[in-house]
Amino acid sequence: MQWRLILTLVLMVIVVIFSLANADAVQFNYLVGSKPLSLALIIIISALIGTIAGVVAGLGSLFKLRQQLLDKDHQLRDLKKDNQGLSDEAKVNKEQRRPRRP
């Protein structure tokens, strides 16, 4: 888990350095017009949008895996109950087969 934090910090530093190296003003064209903006700002905003898109894309898998884990937990609990019931039943059968001493 710690390596992910280190990798994230390294990538963030790379994006910031790249942005600062490209701090010139450029004409930014969008759907309803255009505006001069710093290229560094555009790079950072693009990186943030990409990060958000990646997180949103991964949420579906996360929820699916979480549901599978819950299903397996329920299955394990049911199997433990069945195992306990069979163990109790085996003890009863064993006691019934023993000859009783008078």
N, C-alpha and C. Protein backbone atom coordinates (compact mmCIF):
# COMPACT_ATOMS: atom_id res chain seq x y z
N MET A 1 0.83 -1.19 0.00
CA MET A 1 0.00 0.00 0.00
C MET A 1 0.87 1.25 0.00
N GLN A 2 2.01 1.19 0.66
CA GLN A 2 2.88 2.35 0.76
C GLN A 2 3.51 2.69 -0.60
N TRP A 3 3.76 1.68 -1.40
CA TRP A 3 4.36 1.93 -2.71
C TRP A 3 3.41 2.71 -3.61
N ARG A 4 2.10 2.56 -3.44
CA ARG A 4 1.14 3.32 -4.23
C ARG A 4 1.21 4.80 -3.88
N LEU A 5 1.35 5.09 -2.61
CA LEU A 5 1.48 6.49 -2.19
C LEU A 5 2.75 7.10 -2.76
N ILE A 6 3.84 6.37 -2.70
CA ILE A 6 5.11 6.87 -3.23
C ILE A 6 5.00 7.09 -4.73
N LEU A 7 4.40 6.14 -5.45
CA LEU A 7 4.23 6.27 -6.90
C LEU A 7 3.34 7.46 -7.24
N THR A 8 2.27 7.66 -6.48
CA THR A 8 1.38 8.80 -6.70
C THR A 8 2.12 10.12 -6.49
N LEU A 9 2.89 10.20 -5.43
CA LEU A 9 3.65 11.43 -5.17
C LEU A 9 4.68 11.70 -6.26
N VAL A 10 5.36 10.66 -6.73
CA VAL A 10 6.34 10.83 -7.80
C VAL A 10 5.66 11.33 -9.07
N LEU A 11 4.52 10.74 -9.42
CA LEU A 11 3.79 11.17 -10.61
C LEU A 11 3.30 12.61 -10.48
N MET A 12 2.85 12.98 -9.28
CA MET A 12 2.40 14.35 -9.06
C MET A 12 3.56 15.34 -9.24
N VAL A 13 4.72 15.00 -8.73
CA VAL A 13 5.89 15.87 -8.87
C VAL A 13 6.27 16.00 -10.34
N ILE A 14 6.21 14.91 -11.09
CA ILE A 14 6.52 14.95 -12.52
C ILE A 14 5.56 15.86 -13.26
N VAL A 15 4.26 15.76 -12.95
CA VAL A 15 3.26 16.61 -13.60
C VAL A 15 3.51 18.08 -13.26
N VAL A 16 3.82 18.38 -12.01
CA VAL A 16 4.07 19.76 -11.61
C VAL A 16 5.32 20.31 -12.30
N ILE A 17 6.38 19.53 -12.35
CA ILE A 17 7.61 19.98 -13.02
C ILE A 17 7.34 20.20 -14.51
N PHE A 18 6.64 19.27 -15.13
CA PHE A 18 6.31 19.41 -16.55
C PHE A 18 5.45 20.64 -16.79
N SER A 19 4.51 20.88 -15.87
CA SER A 19 3.64 22.05 -16.01
C SER A 19 4.42 23.35 -15.89
N LEU A 20 5.30 23.41 -14.90
CA LEU A 20 6.08 24.63 -14.70
C LEU A 20 7.04 24.89 -15.85
N ALA A 21 7.51 23.83 -16.49
CA ALA A 21 8.40 24.00 -17.64
C ALA A 21 7.63 24.52 -18.85
N ASN A 22 6.31 24.39 -18.83
CA ASN A 22 5.46 24.83 -19.95
C ASN A 22 4.45 25.86 -19.44
N ALA A 23 4.94 26.94 -18.89
CA ALA A 23 4.07 27.93 -18.27
C ALA A 23 3.61 29.03 -19.22
N ASP A 24 3.92 28.92 -20.50
CA ASP A 24 3.52 29.94 -21.47
C ASP A 24 2.01 30.02 -21.60
N ALA A 25 1.53 31.20 -21.98
CA ALA A 25 0.09 31.38 -22.22
C ALA A 25 -0.24 30.87 -23.63
N VAL A 26 -1.33 30.12 -23.72
CA VAL A 26 -1.78 29.59 -25.01
C VAL A 26 -3.26 29.91 -25.15
N GLN A 27 -3.74 29.86 -26.38
CA GLN A 27 -5.15 30.09 -26.64
C GLN A 27 -5.89 28.76 -26.41
N PHE A 28 -6.80 28.74 -25.47
CA PHE A 28 -7.56 27.53 -25.14
C PHE A 28 -8.94 27.64 -25.79
N ASN A 29 -9.24 26.72 -26.70
CA ASN A 29 -10.52 26.73 -27.40
C ASN A 29 -11.44 25.70 -26.76
N TYR A 30 -12.63 26.12 -26.41
CA TYR A 30 -13.64 25.22 -25.87
C TYR A 30 -14.93 25.42 -26.65
N LEU A 31 -15.96 24.71 -26.30
CA LEU A 31 -17.17 24.66 -27.13
C LEU A 31 -17.79 26.02 -27.44
N VAL A 32 -17.82 26.92 -26.50
CA VAL A 32 -18.52 28.19 -26.72
C VAL A 32 -17.59 29.37 -26.94
N GLY A 33 -16.31 29.14 -27.03
CA GLY A 33 -15.40 30.24 -27.25
C GLY A 33 -13.96 29.84 -27.03
N SER A 34 -13.13 30.83 -26.80
CA SER A 34 -11.73 30.56 -26.52
C SER A 34 -11.22 31.61 -25.54
N LYS A 35 -10.12 31.27 -24.88
CA LYS A 35 -9.59 32.15 -23.85
C LYS A 35 -8.10 31.87 -23.69
N PRO A 36 -7.29 32.89 -23.48
CA PRO A 36 -5.87 32.62 -23.22
C PRO A 36 -5.68 32.10 -21.79
N LEU A 37 -5.02 30.97 -21.68
CA LEU A 37 -4.75 30.36 -20.37
C LEU A 37 -3.31 29.90 -20.32
N SER A 38 -2.81 29.73 -19.11
CA SER A 38 -1.48 29.18 -18.91
C SER A 38 -1.48 27.70 -19.28
N LEU A 39 -0.48 27.28 -20.04
CA LEU A 39 -0.38 25.87 -20.41
C LEU A 39 -0.21 24.99 -19.17
N ALA A 40 0.47 25.53 -18.15
CA ALA A 40 0.63 24.78 -16.90
C ALA A 40 -0.72 24.48 -16.26
N LEU A 41 -1.61 25.45 -16.27
CA LEU A 41 -2.94 25.26 -15.71
C LEU A 41 -3.71 24.20 -16.51
N ILE A 42 -3.59 24.25 -17.82
CA ILE A 42 -4.28 23.27 -18.67
C ILE A 42 -3.74 21.87 -18.41
N ILE A 43 -2.43 21.74 -18.24
CA ILE A 43 -1.82 20.43 -17.97
C ILE A 43 -2.31 19.89 -16.63
N ILE A 44 -2.31 20.73 -15.61
CA ILE A 44 -2.74 20.27 -14.28
C ILE A 44 -4.22 19.90 -14.27
N ILE A 45 -5.05 20.71 -14.92
CA ILE A 45 -6.48 20.40 -14.99
C ILE A 45 -6.70 19.10 -15.76
N SER A 46 -5.96 18.90 -16.83
CA SER A 46 -6.08 17.65 -17.60
C SER A 46 -5.68 16.44 -16.76
N ALA A 47 -4.61 16.58 -15.98
CA ALA A 47 -4.18 15.49 -15.11
C ALA A 47 -5.24 15.18 -14.06
N LEU A 48 -5.85 16.22 -13.50
CA LEU A 48 -6.92 16.00 -12.50
C LEU A 48 -8.14 15.32 -13.13
N ILE A 49 -8.52 15.77 -14.32
CA ILE A 49 -9.67 15.15 -15.00
C ILE A 49 -9.36 13.68 -15.30
N GLY A 50 -8.14 13.39 -15.73
CA GLY A 50 -7.75 12.00 -15.99
C GLY A 50 -7.77 11.15 -14.73
N THR A 51 -7.32 11.73 -13.62
CA THR A 51 -7.34 11.01 -12.34
C THR A 51 -8.77 10.71 -11.91
N ILE A 52 -9.63 11.69 -12.02
CA ILE A 52 -11.04 11.51 -11.64
C ILE A 52 -11.69 10.46 -12.53
N ALA A 53 -11.41 10.50 -13.82
CA ALA A 53 -11.98 9.51 -14.74
C ALA A 53 -11.49 8.10 -14.39
N GLY A 54 -10.23 7.97 -14.03
CA GLY A 54 -9.69 6.67 -13.64
C GLY A 54 -10.33 6.14 -12.37
N VAL A 55 -10.53 7.01 -11.40
CA VAL A 55 -11.18 6.60 -10.14
C VAL A 55 -12.62 6.17 -10.40
N VAL A 56 -13.35 6.95 -11.19
CA VAL A 56 -14.74 6.61 -11.49
C VAL A 56 -14.81 5.29 -12.25
N ALA A 57 -13.89 5.07 -13.18
CA ALA A 57 -13.87 3.81 -13.93
C ALA A 57 -13.59 2.62 -13.02
N GLY A 58 -12.78 2.82 -11.99
CA GLY A 58 -12.44 1.74 -11.07
C GLY A 58 -13.51 1.46 -10.03
N LEU A 59 -14.45 2.38 -9.84
CA LEU A 59 -15.47 2.19 -8.81
C LEU A 59 -16.37 0.99 -9.11
N GLY A 60 -16.68 0.77 -10.38
CA GLY A 60 -17.52 -0.36 -10.74
C GLY A 60 -16.88 -1.68 -10.31
N SER A 61 -15.60 -1.83 -10.59
CA SER A 61 -14.88 -3.04 -10.18
C SER A 61 -14.82 -3.15 -8.67
N LEU A 62 -14.62 -2.03 -8.00
CA LEU A 62 -14.55 -2.04 -6.54
C LEU A 62 -15.86 -2.52 -5.93
N PHE A 63 -16.97 -1.99 -6.42
CA PHE A 63 -18.27 -2.41 -5.89
C PHE A 63 -18.55 -3.87 -6.19
N LYS A 64 -18.16 -4.32 -7.38
CA LYS A 64 -18.37 -5.72 -7.75
C LYS A 64 -17.56 -6.64 -6.83
N LEU A 65 -16.31 -6.30 -6.59
CA LEU A 65 -15.47 -7.11 -5.71
C LEU A 65 -15.97 -7.09 -4.28
N ARG A 66 -16.47 -5.94 -3.83
CA ARG A 66 -17.02 -5.86 -2.48
C ARG A 66 -18.25 -6.75 -2.33
N GLN A 67 -19.10 -6.79 -3.36
CA GLN A 67 -20.28 -7.64 -3.32
C GLN A 67 -19.88 -9.11 -3.31
N GLN A 68 -18.87 -9.47 -4.11
CA GLN A 68 -18.39 -10.84 -4.12
C GLN A 68 -17.84 -11.24 -2.75
N LEU A 69 -17.13 -10.32 -2.09
CA LEU A 69 -16.60 -10.59 -0.76
C LEU A 69 -17.72 -10.82 0.24
N LEU A 70 -18.76 -9.99 0.18
CA LEU A 70 -19.90 -10.17 1.08
C LEU A 70 -20.58 -11.52 0.83
N ASP A 71 -20.74 -11.88 -0.45
CA ASP A 71 -21.35 -13.17 -0.78
C ASP A 71 -20.52 -14.32 -0.22
N LYS A 72 -19.20 -14.23 -0.35
CA LYS A 72 -18.32 -15.29 0.17
C LYS A 72 -18.37 -15.33 1.70
N ASP A 73 -18.47 -14.18 2.34
CA ASP A 73 -18.60 -14.16 3.80
C ASP A 73 -19.88 -14.87 4.25
N HIS A 74 -20.98 -14.60 3.55
CA HIS A 74 -22.25 -15.26 3.89
C HIS A 74 -22.14 -16.77 3.64
N GLN A 75 -21.50 -17.14 2.54
CA GLN A 75 -21.33 -18.55 2.23
C GLN A 75 -20.47 -19.23 3.30
N LEU A 76 -19.41 -18.58 3.73
CA LEU A 76 -18.54 -19.13 4.76
C LEU A 76 -19.30 -19.30 6.08
N ARG A 77 -20.10 -18.30 6.45
CA ARG A 77 -20.88 -18.40 7.68
C ARG A 77 -21.85 -19.58 7.62
N ASP A 78 -22.51 -19.75 6.47
CA ASP A 78 -23.44 -20.87 6.32
C ASP A 78 -22.72 -22.21 6.39
N LEU A 79 -21.55 -22.28 5.78
CA LEU A 79 -20.78 -23.53 5.83
C LEU A 79 -20.31 -23.84 7.24
N LYS A 80 -19.93 -22.82 7.99
CA LYS A 80 -19.52 -23.04 9.38
C LYS A 80 -20.69 -23.56 10.21
N LYS A 81 -21.89 -23.00 9.96
CA LYS A 81 -23.08 -23.49 10.67
C LYS A 81 -23.34 -24.95 10.33
N ASP A 82 -23.27 -25.28 9.04
CA ASP A 82 -23.48 -26.66 8.60
C ASP A 82 -22.44 -27.59 9.23
N ASN A 83 -21.19 -27.15 9.27
CA ASN A 83 -20.12 -27.95 9.84
C ASN A 83 -20.36 -28.19 11.33
N GLN A 84 -20.78 -27.15 12.03
CA GLN A 84 -21.06 -27.29 13.46
C GLN A 84 -22.22 -28.25 13.68
N GLY A 85 -23.24 -28.13 12.84
CA GLY A 85 -24.39 -29.03 12.97
C GLY A 85 -23.99 -30.48 12.72
N LEU A 86 -23.16 -30.72 11.72
CA LEU A 86 -22.70 -32.08 11.43
C LEU A 86 -21.81 -32.60 12.55
N SER A 87 -20.99 -31.72 13.11
CA SER A 87 -20.11 -32.13 14.21
C SER A 87 -20.94 -32.52 15.43
N ASP A 88 -21.97 -31.72 15.74
CA ASP A 88 -22.85 -32.04 16.86
C ASP A 88 -23.59 -33.36 16.61
N GLU A 89 -24.04 -33.54 15.38
CA GLU A 89 -24.76 -34.77 15.03
C GLU A 89 -23.85 -35.98 15.15
N ALA A 90 -22.59 -35.84 14.76
CA ALA A 90 -21.63 -36.95 14.86
C ALA A 90 -21.38 -37.31 16.32
N LYS A 91 -21.32 -36.32 17.19
CA LYS A 91 -21.12 -36.59 18.62
C LYS A 91 -22.30 -37.36 19.19
N VAL A 92 -23.49 -36.95 18.81
CA VAL A 92 -24.69 -37.63 19.29
C VAL A 92 -24.71 -39.07 18.81
N ASN A 93 -24.39 -39.29 17.55
CA ASN A 93 -24.38 -40.65 17.01
C ASN A 93 -23.32 -41.51 17.69
N LYS A 94 -22.19 -40.92 17.98
CA LYS A 94 -21.12 -41.66 18.64
C LYS A 94 -21.54 -42.07 20.05
N GLU A 95 -22.21 -41.17 20.76
CA GLU A 95 -22.66 -41.48 22.11
C GLU A 95 -23.75 -42.55 22.09
N GLN A 96 -24.59 -42.56 21.06
CA GLN A 96 -25.67 -43.55 20.97
C GLN A 96 -25.12 -44.93 20.67
N ARG A 97 -24.00 -45.02 20.00
CA ARG A 97 -23.41 -46.33 19.67
C ARG A 97 -22.63 -46.92 20.81
N ARG A 98 -22.22 -46.14 21.77
CA ARG A 98 -21.45 -46.65 22.91
C ARG A 98 -22.34 -47.54 23.78
N PRO A 99 -21.80 -48.65 24.19
CA PRO A 99 -22.59 -49.46 25.14
C PRO A 99 -22.60 -48.78 26.50
N ARG A 100 -23.75 -48.78 27.07
CA ARG A 100 -23.90 -48.14 28.39
C ARG A 100 -23.53 -49.12 29.49
N ARG A 101 -22.85 -48.63 30.46
CA ARG A 101 -22.44 -49.47 31.58
C ARG A 101 -23.54 -49.48 32.63
N PRO A 102 -23.82 -50.63 33.10
CA PRO A 102 -24.88 -50.72 34.13
C PRO A 102 -24.44 -50.30 35.49
